PDB file of all heavy atoms in Angstrom:
ATOM      1  N   ALA A   1      22.740  31.266 139.004  1.00  0.00           N
ATOM      2  CA  ALA A   1      21.678  30.254 138.639  1.00  0.00           C
ATOM      3  C   ALA A   1      20.844  29.856 139.775  1.00  0.00           C
ATOM      4  O   ALA A   1      19.641  29.656 139.666  1.00  0.00           O
ATOM      5  CB  ALA A   1      22.290  29.060 137.968  1.00  0.00           C
ATOM      6  N   THR A   2      21.448  29.647 140.879  1.00  0.00           N
ATOM      7  CA  THR A   2      20.654  29.202 142.038  1.00  0.00           C
ATOM      8  C   THR A   2      19.833  30.280 142.706  1.00  0.00           C
ATOM      9  O   THR A   2      18.669  30.121 143.006  1.00  0.00           O
ATOM     10  CB  THR A   2      21.596  28.631 143.195  1.00  0.00           C
ATOM     11  OG1 THR A   2      22.441  27.688 142.626  1.00  0.00           O
ATOM     12  CG2 THR A   2      20.882  28.177 144.340  1.00  0.00           C
ATOM     13  N   ALA A   3      20.289  31.398 142.686  1.00  0.00           N
ATOM     14  CA  ALA A   3      19.569  32.506 143.336  1.00  0.00           C
ATOM     15  C   ALA A   3      18.486  33.060 142.465  1.00  0.00           C
ATOM     16  O   ALA A   3      17.560  33.635 142.924  1.00  0.00           O
ATOM     17  CB  ALA A   3      20.564  33.664 143.787  1.00  0.00           C
ATOM     18  N   GLY A   4      18.548  32.917 141.143  1.00  0.00           N
ATOM     19  CA  GLY A   4      17.580  33.421 140.266  1.00  0.00           C
ATOM     20  C   GLY A   4      17.546  34.922 140.227  1.00  0.00           C
ATOM     21  O   GLY A   4      18.602  35.523 140.042  1.00  0.00           O
ATOM     22  N   GLY A   5      16.341  35.327 140.462  1.00  0.00           N
ATOM     23  CA  GLY A   5      16.106  36.806 140.428  1.00  0.00           C
ATOM     24  C   GLY A   5      16.883  37.555 141.481  1.00  0.00           C
ATOM     25  O   GLY A   5      16.950  38.770 141.429  1.00  0.00           O
ATOM     26  N   GLU A   6      17.273  36.845 142.534  1.00  0.00           N
ATOM     27  CA  GLU A   6      17.962  37.464 143.600  1.00  0.00           C
ATOM     28  C   GLU A   6      19.295  38.065 143.154  1.00  0.00           C
ATOM     29  O   GLU A   6      19.894  38.918 143.749  1.00  0.00           O
ATOM     30  CB  GLU A   6      18.173  36.591 144.816  1.00  0.00           C
ATOM     31  CG  GLU A   6      16.874  36.216 145.469  1.00  0.00           C
ATOM     32  CD  GLU A   6      17.093  35.236 146.581  1.00  0.00           C
ATOM     33  OE1 GLU A   6      18.257  34.909 146.886  1.00  0.00           O
ATOM     34  OE2 GLU A   6      16.169  34.838 147.335  1.00  0.00           O
ATOM     35  N   ALA A   7      19.848  37.408 142.049  1.00  0.00           N
ATOM     36  CA  ALA A   7      21.138  37.822 141.590  1.00  0.00           C
ATOM     37  C   ALA A   7      21.077  39.347 141.147  1.00  0.00           C
ATOM     38  O   ALA A   7      22.005  40.039 141.343  1.00  0.00           O
ATOM     39  CB  ALA A   7      21.629  36.986 140.467  1.00  0.00           C
ATOM     40  N   THR A   8      19.902  39.627 140.576  1.00  0.00           N
ATOM     41  CA  THR A   8      19.802  41.080 140.097  1.00  0.00           C
ATOM     42  C   THR A   8      19.767  42.018 141.305  1.00  0.00           C
ATOM     43  O   THR A   8      20.331  43.019 141.244  1.00  0.00           O
ATOM     44  CB  THR A   8      18.624  41.205 139.209  1.00  0.00           C
ATOM     45  OG1 THR A   8      18.604  40.312 138.147  1.00  0.00           O
ATOM     46  CG2 THR A   8      18.453  42.700 138.714  1.00  0.00           C
ATOM     47  N   ALA A   9      18.927  41.527 142.277  1.00  0.00           N
ATOM     48  CA  ALA A   9      18.841  42.390 143.403  1.00  0.00           C
ATOM     49  C   ALA A   9      20.126  42.561 144.213  1.00  0.00           C
ATOM     50  O   ALA A   9      20.412  43.563 144.782  1.00  0.00           O
ATOM     51  CB  ALA A   9      17.740  41.847 144.393  1.00  0.00           C
ATOM     52  N   GLU A  10      21.016  41.470 144.110  1.00  0.00           N
ATOM     53  CA  GLU A  10      22.209  41.521 144.890  1.00  0.00           C
ATOM     54  C   GLU A  10      23.354  42.107 144.062  1.00  0.00           C
ATOM     55  O   GLU A  10      24.433  42.258 144.558  1.00  0.00           O
ATOM     56  CB  GLU A  10      22.622  40.168 145.302  1.00  0.00           C
ATOM     57  CG  GLU A  10      21.695  39.562 146.371  1.00  0.00           C
ATOM     58  CD  GLU A  10      22.029  38.190 146.784  1.00  0.00           C
ATOM     59  OE1 GLU A  10      22.996  37.583 146.140  1.00  0.00           O
ATOM     60  OE2 GLU A  10      21.437  37.610 147.705  1.00  0.00           O
ATOM     61  N   ALA A  11      23.017  42.461 142.843  1.00  0.00           N
ATOM     62  CA  ALA A  11      24.106  42.934 141.937  1.00  0.00           C
ATOM     63  C   ALA A  11      24.627  44.203 142.415  1.00  0.00           C
ATOM     64  O   ALA A  11      25.859  44.485 142.490  1.00  0.00           O
ATOM     65  CB  ALA A  11      23.644  43.079 140.509  1.00  0.00           C
ATOM     66  N   ALA A  12      23.741  45.077 142.929  1.00  0.00           N
ATOM     67  CA  ALA A  12      24.212  46.389 143.360  1.00  0.00           C
ATOM     68  C   ALA A  12      25.058  46.257 144.499  1.00  0.00           C
ATOM     69  O   ALA A  12      26.112  46.873 144.535  1.00  0.00           O
ATOM     70  CB  ALA A  12      23.007  47.280 143.625  1.00  0.00           C
ATOM     71  N   PRO A  13      24.661  45.458 145.514  1.00  0.00           N
ATOM     72  CA  PRO A  13      25.607  45.303 146.704  1.00  0.00           C
ATOM     73  C   PRO A  13      26.874  44.632 146.289  1.00  0.00           C
ATOM     74  O   PRO A  13      27.958  44.973 146.905  1.00  0.00           O
ATOM     75  CB  PRO A  13      24.819  44.436 147.687  1.00  0.00           C
ATOM     76  CG  PRO A  13      23.439  44.655 147.314  1.00  0.00           C
ATOM     77  CD  PRO A  13      23.364  44.848 145.821  1.00  0.00           C
ATOM     78  N   ALA A  14      26.817  43.755 145.249  1.00  0.00           N
ATOM     79  CA  ALA A  14      28.098  43.080 144.882  1.00  0.00           C
ATOM     80  C   ALA A  14      29.038  44.174 144.318  1.00  0.00           C
ATOM     81  O   ALA A  14      30.227  44.141 144.551  1.00  0.00           O
ATOM     82  CB  ALA A  14      27.859  42.006 143.852  1.00  0.00           C
ATOM     83  N   GLU A  15      28.442  45.039 143.553  1.00  0.00           N
ATOM     84  CA  GLU A  15      29.309  46.136 143.000  1.00  0.00           C
ATOM     85  C   GLU A  15      29.870  46.947 144.059  1.00  0.00           C
ATOM     86  O   GLU A  15      31.028  47.359 144.030  1.00  0.00           O
ATOM     87  CB  GLU A  15      28.482  46.957 141.956  1.00  0.00           C
ATOM     88  CG  GLU A  15      28.139  46.243 140.691  1.00  0.00           C
ATOM     89  CD  GLU A  15      27.302  47.114 139.737  1.00  0.00           C
ATOM     90  OE1 GLU A  15      27.000  48.278 140.126  1.00  0.00           O
ATOM     91  OE2 GLU A  15      26.972  46.571 138.768  1.00  0.00           O
ATOM     92  N   GLU A  16      29.034  47.244 145.094  1.00  0.00           N
ATOM     93  CA  GLU A  16      29.518  48.047 146.166  1.00  0.00           C
ATOM     94  C   GLU A  16      30.655  47.316 146.969  1.00  0.00           C
ATOM     95  O   GLU A  16      31.584  47.837 147.488  1.00  0.00           O
ATOM     96  CB  GLU A  16      28.427  48.399 147.163  1.00  0.00           C
ATOM     97  CG  GLU A  16      27.422  49.425 146.383  1.00  0.00           C
ATOM     98  CD  GLU A  16      26.298  49.774 147.419  1.00  0.00           C
ATOM     99  OE1 GLU A  16      26.383  49.283 148.538  1.00  0.00           O
ATOM    100  OE2 GLU A  16      25.455  50.607 147.036  1.00  0.00           O
ATOM    101  N   GLY A  17      30.500  45.954 146.954  1.00  0.00           N
ATOM    102  CA  GLY A  17      31.453  45.133 147.647  1.00  0.00           C
ATOM    103  C   GLY A  17      32.819  45.171 147.003  1.00  0.00           C
ATOM    104  O   GLY A  17      33.831  44.916 147.662  1.00  0.00           O
ATOM    105  N   SER A  18      32.767  45.389 145.686  1.00  0.00           N
ATOM    106  CA  SER A  18      34.104  45.501 145.022  1.00  0.00           C
ATOM    107  C   SER A  18      34.826  46.825 145.212  1.00  0.00           C
ATOM    108  O   SER A  18      36.024  46.888 144.935  1.00  0.00           O
ATOM    109  CB  SER A  18      33.911  45.263 143.483  1.00  0.00           C
ATOM    110  OG  SER A  18      33.173  46.351 142.955  1.00  0.00           O
ATOM    111  N   ALA A  19      34.061  47.754 145.800  1.00  0.00           N
ATOM    112  CA  ALA A  19      34.780  49.051 145.996  1.00  0.00           C
ATOM    113  C   ALA A  19      35.605  48.936 147.262  1.00  0.00           C
ATOM    114  O   ALA A  19      35.338  48.050 148.150  1.00  0.00           O
ATOM    115  CB  ALA A  19      33.660  50.162 146.200  1.00  0.00           C
ATOM    116  N   VAL A  20      36.522  49.853 147.453  1.00  0.00           N
ATOM    117  CA  VAL A  20      37.340  49.874 148.668  1.00  0.00           C
ATOM    118  C   VAL A  20      36.531  50.445 149.852  1.00  0.00           C
ATOM    119  O   VAL A  20      35.887  51.449 149.780  1.00  0.00           O
ATOM    120  CB  VAL A  20      38.589  50.767 148.428  1.00  0.00           C
ATOM    121  CG1 VAL A  20      39.471  50.799 149.721  1.00  0.00           C
ATOM    122  CG2 VAL A  20      39.333  50.234 147.283  1.00  0.00           C
ATOM    123  N   PRO A  21      36.519  49.814 151.038  1.00  0.00           N
ATOM    124  CA  PRO A  21      35.752  50.317 152.214  1.00  0.00           C
ATOM    125  C   PRO A  21      36.279  51.635 152.665  1.00  0.00           C
ATOM    126  O   PRO A  21      37.397  51.946 152.437  1.00  0.00           O
ATOM    127  CB  PRO A  21      35.943  49.223 153.241  1.00  0.00           C
ATOM    128  CG  PRO A  21      36.763  48.102 152.671  1.00  0.00           C
ATOM    129  CD  PRO A  21      37.171  48.549 151.283  1.00  0.00           C
ATOM    130  N   ASP A  22      35.346  52.368 153.292  1.00  0.00           N
ATOM    131  CA  ASP A  22      35.673  53.764 153.778  1.00  0.00           C
ATOM    132  C   ASP A  22      36.839  53.651 154.747  1.00  0.00           C
ATOM    133  O   ASP A  22      37.526  54.628 154.921  1.00  0.00           O
ATOM    134  CB  ASP A  22      34.485  54.449 154.285  1.00  0.00           C
ATOM    135  CG  ASP A  22      33.573  54.753 153.213  1.00  0.00           C
ATOM    136  OD1 ASP A  22      33.990  54.776 151.978  1.00  0.00           O
ATOM    137  OD2 ASP A  22      32.319  55.096 153.474  1.00  0.00           O
ATOM    138  N   ASP A  23      36.881  52.654 155.601  1.00  0.00           N
ATOM    139  CA  ASP A  23      37.880  52.629 156.672  1.00  0.00           C
ATOM    140  C   ASP A  23      39.079  51.904 156.287  1.00  0.00           C
ATOM    141  O   ASP A  23      39.880  51.420 157.119  1.00  0.00           O
ATOM    142  CB  ASP A  23      37.322  51.932 157.979  1.00  0.00           C
ATOM    143  CG  ASP A  23      36.781  50.609 157.667  1.00  0.00           C
ATOM    144  OD1 ASP A  23      36.795  50.126 156.435  1.00  0.00           O
ATOM    145  OD2 ASP A  23      36.412  49.947 158.654  1.00  0.00           O
ATOM    146  N   PHE A  24      39.331  51.662 155.029  1.00  0.00           N
ATOM    147  CA  PHE A  24      40.572  50.968 154.589  1.00  0.00           C
ATOM    148  C   PHE A  24      41.818  51.886 154.717  1.00  0.00           C
ATOM    149  O   PHE A  24      41.788  52.996 154.194  1.00  0.00           O
ATOM    150  CB  PHE A  24      40.436  50.469 153.159  1.00  0.00           C
ATOM    151  CG  PHE A  24      41.578  49.825 152.610  1.00  0.00           C
ATOM    152  CD1 PHE A  24      41.897  48.409 152.925  1.00  0.00           C
ATOM    153  CD2 PHE A  24      42.574  50.392 151.914  1.00  0.00           C
ATOM    154  CE1 PHE A  24      42.955  47.780 152.479  1.00  0.00           C
ATOM    155  CE2 PHE A  24      43.715  49.798 151.422  1.00  0.00           C
ATOM    156  CZ  PHE A  24      43.961  48.430 151.759  1.00  0.00           C
ATOM    157  N   GLY A  25      42.781  51.268 155.291  1.00  0.00           N
ATOM    158  CA  GLY A  25      44.235  51.763 155.221  1.00  0.00           C
ATOM    159  C   GLY A  25      44.473  53.184 155.508  1.00  0.00           C
ATOM    160  O   GLY A  25      44.704  53.593 156.619  1.00  0.00           O
ATOM    161  N   PHE A  26      44.258  54.087 154.542  1.00  0.00           N
ATOM    162  CA  PHE A  26      44.786  55.469 154.597  1.00  0.00           C
ATOM    163  C   PHE A  26      43.761  56.478 154.998  1.00  0.00           C
ATOM    164  O   PHE A  26      43.912  57.667 154.749  1.00  0.00           O
ATOM    165  CB  PHE A  26      45.397  55.832 153.263  1.00  0.00           C
ATOM    166  CG  PHE A  26      46.637  54.931 152.885  1.00  0.00           C
ATOM    167  CD1 PHE A  26      46.375  53.800 152.187  1.00  0.00           C
ATOM    168  CD2 PHE A  26      47.851  55.318 153.361  1.00  0.00           C
ATOM    169  CE1 PHE A  26      47.470  52.955 151.906  1.00  0.00           C
ATOM    170  CE2 PHE A  26      48.840  54.457 153.022  1.00  0.00           C
ATOM    171  CZ  PHE A  26      48.710  53.347 152.308  1.00  0.00           C
ATOM    172  N   GLY A  27      42.498  56.065 155.511  1.00  0.00           N
ATOM    173  CA  GLY A  27      41.489  57.072 155.939  1.00  0.00           C
ATOM    174  C   GLY A  27      40.214  57.064 155.111  1.00  0.00           C
ATOM    175  O   GLY A  27      40.067  56.205 154.294  1.00  0.00           O
ATOM    176  N   ALA A  28      39.400  58.018 155.335  1.00  0.00           N
ATOM    177  CA  ALA A  28      38.128  58.063 154.673  1.00  0.00           C
ATOM    178  C   ALA A  28      38.253  58.260 153.191  1.00  0.00           C
ATOM    179  O   ALA A  28      39.297  58.802 152.737  1.00  0.00           O
ATOM    180  CB  ALA A  28      37.270  59.175 155.287  1.00  0.00           C
ATOM    181  N   SER A  29      37.209  57.772 152.428  1.00  0.00           N
ATOM    182  CA  SER A  29      37.224  57.909 150.962  1.00  0.00           C
ATOM    183  C   SER A  29      37.239  59.326 150.632  1.00  0.00           C
ATOM    184  O   SER A  29      36.554  60.200 151.173  1.00  0.00           O
ATOM    185  CB  SER A  29      36.167  57.172 150.335  1.00  0.00           C
ATOM    186  OG  SER A  29      36.155  55.820 150.555  1.00  0.00           O
ATOM    187  N   GLY A  30      37.942  59.586 149.525  1.00  0.00           N
ATOM    188  CA  GLY A  30      37.940  60.973 148.952  1.00  0.00           C
ATOM    189  C   GLY A  30      36.953  61.135 147.924  1.00  0.00           C
ATOM    190  O   GLY A  30      35.967  60.352 147.857  1.00  0.00           O
ATOM    191  N   PRO A  31      36.907  62.202 147.199  1.00  0.00           N
ATOM    192  CA  PRO A  31      35.921  62.478 146.109  1.00  0.00           C
ATOM    193  C   PRO A  31      35.759  61.401 145.070  1.00  0.00           C
ATOM    194  O   PRO A  31      34.754  61.170 144.569  1.00  0.00           O
ATOM    195  CB  PRO A  31      36.375  63.729 145.433  1.00  0.00           C
ATOM    196  CG  PRO A  31      37.280  64.377 146.565  1.00  0.00           C
ATOM    197  CD  PRO A  31      37.956  63.300 147.227  1.00  0.00           C
ATOM    198  N   SER A  32      36.818  60.602 144.886  1.00  0.00           N
ATOM    199  CA  SER A  32      36.779  59.507 143.913  1.00  0.00           C
ATOM    200  C   SER A  32      36.255  58.232 144.512  1.00  0.00           C
ATOM    201  O   SER A  32      36.144  57.228 143.750  1.00  0.00           O
ATOM    202  CB  SER A  32      38.187  59.264 143.407  1.00  0.00           C
ATOM    203  OG  SER A  32      39.078  58.831 144.430  1.00  0.00           O
ATOM    204  N   SER A  33      35.835  58.181 145.720  1.00  0.00           N
ATOM    205  CA  SER A  33      35.239  57.023 146.396  1.00  0.00           C
ATOM    206  C   SER A  33      36.105  55.833 146.284  1.00  0.00           C
ATOM    207  O   SER A  33      35.658  54.647 146.160  1.00  0.00           O
ATOM    208  CB  SER A  33      33.865  56.743 145.807  1.00  0.00           C
ATOM    209  OG  SER A  33      32.989  57.811 146.060  1.00  0.00           O
ATOM    210  N   ASP A  34      37.478  56.010 146.329  1.00  0.00           N
ATOM    211  CA  ASP A  34      38.296  54.825 146.205  1.00  0.00           C
ATOM    212  C   ASP A  34      38.795  54.402 147.542  1.00  0.00           C
ATOM    213  O   ASP A  34      39.608  53.454 147.627  1.00  0.00           O
ATOM    214  CB  ASP A  34      39.577  55.157 145.260  1.00  0.00           C
ATOM    215  CG  ASP A  34      40.294  56.400 145.695  1.00  0.00           C
ATOM    216  OD1 ASP A  34      40.014  56.899 146.834  1.00  0.00           O
ATOM    217  OD2 ASP A  34      41.185  56.926 144.947  1.00  0.00           O
TER     218      ASP A  34
END
């Protein structure tokens, strides 16, 4: 509500933020980008 239209613009990064980072734990992401 506060950010207004920025929420839509930031939605894509938020979705990416929910993904597992490439440098997490067991090495680079595989074909499943997990």
